[in-house]
Amino acid sequence: MGSNGHKLLTVLVFSGLGVYSGVKFFEPLVVEQLRKDGNLRADIDVPQFDKNGDKIVNGVDQSVELDRLRERLEQKKE
């Protein structure tokens, strides 16, 4: 693979990473705005997000669970 091939591969990799990270960043914002506007379709399964924009997996809010764990660990220290 020549120099042009390496340049093309680099552009493709960074473009892919940019699109992926952009989708991951903006997904919670877009879903929340659609929900507020009443334009969120009910026939499509849309992931739920917590207040920090993290996905809620299997009905478990990870930020709440981490806060509970942190409180328990702090109580054990005392």
Protein backbone atom coordinates (compact mmCIF):
# COMPACT_ATOMS: atom_id res chain seq x y z
CA MET A 1 0.00 0.00 0.00
CA GLY A 2 1.47 3.29 -1.05
CA SER A 3 1.43 6.67 0.57
CA ASN A 4 -1.95 7.50 -0.93
CA GLY A 5 -3.40 4.29 0.49
CA HIS A 6 -2.20 5.18 3.99
CA LYS A 7 -3.65 8.67 3.70
CA LEU A 8 -6.99 7.28 2.55
CA LEU A 9 -7.05 4.73 5.38
CA THR A 10 -6.26 7.46 7.92
CA VAL A 11 -9.05 9.69 6.61
CA LEU A 12 -11.52 6.80 6.68
CA VAL A 13 -10.61 5.79 10.24
CA PHE A 14 -10.84 9.32 11.62
CA SER A 15 -14.06 10.00 9.72
CA GLY A 16 -15.59 6.84 11.14
CA LEU A 17 -14.52 7.75 14.67
CA GLY A 18 -15.91 11.26 14.24
CA VAL A 19 -19.29 10.03 13.07
CA TYR A 20 -19.48 7.39 15.81
CA SER A 21 -18.58 9.79 18.62
CA GLY A 22 -20.91 12.45 17.24
CA VAL A 23 -23.84 10.04 17.19
CA LYS A 24 -23.07 8.86 20.73
CA PHE A 25 -22.85 12.46 21.97
CA PHE A 26 -25.94 13.88 20.27
CA GLU A 27 -28.27 10.86 20.58
CA PRO A 28 -29.54 11.69 24.13
CA LEU A 29 -29.99 15.36 23.21
CA VAL A 30 -32.01 14.60 20.08
CA VAL A 31 -34.18 11.97 21.79
CA GLU A 32 -34.96 14.34 24.68
CA GLN A 33 -35.88 17.18 22.33
CA LEU A 34 -38.14 14.93 20.25
CA ARG A 35 -39.82 13.74 23.45
CA LYS A 36 -40.39 17.35 24.61
CA ASP A 37 -41.82 18.35 21.23
CA GLY A 38 -44.12 15.32 21.11
CA ASN A 39 -42.57 14.10 17.86
CA LEU A 40 -41.05 10.89 19.24
CA ARG A 41 -42.52 7.88 17.46
CA ALA A 42 -44.13 5.29 19.72
CA ASP A 43 -43.67 2.37 17.31
CA ILE A 44 -39.86 2.51 17.51
CA ASP A 45 -37.98 1.28 20.57
CA VAL A 46 -36.01 4.30 21.79
CA PRO A 47 -33.38 3.90 24.51
CA GLN A 48 -33.95 5.67 27.82
CA PHE A 49 -31.30 8.06 29.16
CA ASP A 50 -30.59 9.34 32.66
CA LYS A 51 -29.95 12.97 33.61
CA ASN A 52 -26.28 12.62 32.60
CA GLY A 53 -27.09 11.30 29.14
CA ASP A 54 -26.05 7.71 29.92
CA LYS A 55 -28.25 4.87 28.70
CA ILE A 56 -30.45 3.12 31.22
CA VAL A 57 -29.82 -0.60 30.71
CA ASN A 58 -32.47 -3.13 31.81
CA GLY A 59 -34.28 -0.48 33.82
CA VAL A 60 -31.21 0.22 35.97
CA ASP A 61 -29.95 3.79 36.16
CA GLN A 62 -26.19 3.36 36.54
CA SER A 63 -25.60 6.82 38.02
CA VAL A 64 -28.13 6.14 40.81
CA GLU A 65 -26.60 2.74 41.50
CA LEU A 66 -23.10 4.24 41.64
CA ASP A 67 -24.30 6.91 44.07
CA ARG A 68 -25.81 4.22 46.32
CA LEU A 69 -22.60 2.21 46.19
CA ARG A 70 -20.53 5.30 47.00
CA GLU A 71 -22.73 6.05 50.03
CA ARG A 72 -22.42 2.48 51.30
CA LEU A 73 -18.65 2.54 50.94
CA GLU A 74 -18.42 5.88 52.77
CA GLN A 75 -20.56 4.48 55.60
CA LYS A 76 -18.25 1.47 55.91
CA LYS A 77 -15.22 3.80 56.23
CA GLU A 78 -16.77 5.48 59.25
